Amino acid sequence: MAEPDLIPISKASSEFRLSRSVIFKYLQQGKLQRWQKMGDQRTFIDRQELKRLLQPRIKGRPD
């Protein structure tokens, strides 16, 4: 398994043009995994995980 490409919520918000509240909602719903780095109080998420979550789904196709 590849090492996660961790980015802070603020960077993810601007890069993917999402509000911080939407990202936190995904975290609460368990759609994204929350990461912390030692000595850093910010919350990080995996860029690739967010990319996959935002990809359009084909209707009728299983997730």
C-alpha atoms as a PDB file:
ATOM      1  CA  MET A   1       0.000   0.000   0.000  1.00  0.00           C
ATOM      2  CA  ALA A   2       1.331   3.432  -0.944  1.00  0.00           C
ATOM      3  CA  GLU A   3       2.093   5.983   1.728  1.00  0.00           C
ATOM      4  CA  PRO A   4      -0.731   8.538   2.061  1.00  0.00           C
ATOM      5  CA  ASP A   5      -0.296  11.960   0.447  1.00  0.00           C
ATOM      6  CA  LEU A   6      -1.339  14.001   3.486  1.00  0.00           C
ATOM      7  CA  ILE A   7      -2.490  17.600   3.140  1.00  0.00           C
ATOM      8  CA  PRO A   8      -4.011  19.915   5.762  1.00  0.00           C
ATOM      9  CA  ILE A   9      -7.744  20.655   5.613  1.00  0.00           C
ATOM     10  CA  SER A  10      -7.077  24.284   4.572  1.00  0.00           C
ATOM     11  CA  LYS A  11      -5.028  23.196   1.530  1.00  0.00           C
ATOM     12  CA  ALA A  12      -7.575  20.511   0.584  1.00  0.00           C
ATOM     13  CA  SER A  13     -10.334  23.105   0.816  1.00  0.00           C
ATOM     14  CA  SER A  14      -8.656  25.489  -1.621  1.00  0.00           C
ATOM     15  CA  GLU A  15      -7.256  22.788  -3.944  1.00  0.00           C
ATOM     16  CA  PHE A  16     -10.586  20.975  -4.373  1.00  0.00           C
ATOM     17  CA  ARG A  17     -12.770  24.091  -4.012  1.00  0.00           C
ATOM     18  CA  LEU A  18     -14.714  22.676  -1.070  1.00  0.00           C
ATOM     19  CA  SER A  19     -15.691  24.424   2.111  1.00  0.00           C
ATOM     20  CA  ARG A  20     -13.951  23.297   5.284  1.00  0.00           C
ATOM     21  CA  SER A  21     -17.356  22.349   6.699  1.00  0.00           C
ATOM     22  CA  VAL A  22     -17.964  19.885   3.825  1.00  0.00           C
ATOM     23  CA  ILE A  23     -14.594  18.238   4.478  1.00  0.00           C
ATOM     24  CA  PHE A  24     -15.342  17.998   8.203  1.00  0.00           C
ATOM     25  CA  LYS A  25     -18.752  16.495   7.347  1.00  0.00           C
ATOM     26  CA  TYR A  26     -17.003  13.798   5.269  1.00  0.00           C
ATOM     27  CA  LEU A  27     -14.734  13.114   8.252  1.00  0.00           C
ATOM     28  CA  GLN A  28     -17.730  12.841  10.619  1.00  0.00           C
ATOM     29  CA  GLN A  29     -19.532  10.495   8.232  1.00  0.00           C
ATOM     30  CA  GLY A  30     -16.451   8.281   7.998  1.00  0.00           C
ATOM     31  CA  LYS A  31     -15.997   8.960   4.282  1.00  0.00           C
ATOM     32  CA  LEU A  32     -12.489  10.308   4.916  1.00  0.00           C
ATOM     33  CA  GLN A  33      -9.856   9.238   7.416  1.00  0.00           C
ATOM     34  CA  ARG A  34      -8.462  11.855   9.809  1.00  0.00           C
ATOM     35  CA  TRP A  35      -4.684  12.011  10.216  1.00  0.00           C
ATOM     36  CA  GLN A  36      -2.498  13.860  12.737  1.00  0.00           C
ATOM     37  CA  LYS A  37       1.240  14.460  12.551  1.00  0.00           C
ATOM     38  CA  MET A  38       3.370  14.371  15.669  1.00  0.00           C
ATOM     39  CA  GLY A  39       3.810  17.891  17.042  1.00  0.00           C
ATOM     40  CA  ASP A  40       1.272  19.420  14.633  1.00  0.00           C
ATOM     41  CA  GLN A  41      -2.253  20.236  15.787  1.00  0.00           C
ATOM     42  CA  ARG A  42      -3.717  20.486  12.287  1.00  0.00           C
ATOM     43  CA  THR A  43      -5.925  17.778  10.828  1.00  0.00           C
ATOM     44  CA  PHE A  44      -4.686  16.149   7.639  1.00  0.00           C
ATOM     45  CA  ILE A  45      -6.442  14.062   5.008  1.00  0.00           C
ATOM     46  CA  ASP A  46      -5.148  11.883   2.197  1.00  0.00           C
ATOM     47  CA  ARG A  47      -5.311  13.779  -1.116  1.00  0.00           C
ATOM     48  CA  GLN A  48      -5.921  10.571  -3.127  1.00  0.00           C
ATOM     49  CA  GLU A  49      -8.736   9.475  -0.784  1.00  0.00           C
ATOM     50  CA  LEU A  50     -10.500  12.824  -1.276  1.00  0.00           C
ATOM     51  CA  LYS A  51      -9.968  12.626  -5.054  1.00  0.00           C
ATOM     52  CA  ARG A  52     -11.606   9.176  -5.142  1.00  0.00           C
ATOM     53  CA  LEU A  53     -14.508  10.405  -3.016  1.00  0.00           C
ATOM     54  CA  LEU A  54     -15.193  13.281  -5.401  1.00  0.00           C
ATOM     55  CA  GLN A  55     -15.030  11.219  -8.607  1.00  0.00           C
ATOM     56  CA  PRO A  56     -18.404  10.972 -10.342  1.00  0.00           C
ATOM     57  CA  ARG A  57     -20.112   7.620  -9.917  1.00  0.00           C
ATOM     58  CA  ILE A  58     -21.956   5.812 -12.708  1.00  0.00           C
ATOM     59  CA  LYS A  59     -25.595   5.348 -11.682  1.00  0.00           C
ATOM     60  CA  GLY A  60     -26.475   1.744 -10.856  1.00  0.00           C
ATOM     61  CA  ARG A  61     -22.829   0.748 -10.441  1.00  0.00           C
ATOM     62  CA  PRO A  62     -21.790  -0.492  -6.974  1.00  0.00           C
ATOM     63  CA  ASP A  63     -19.381   1.725  -4.983  1.00  0.00           C
END
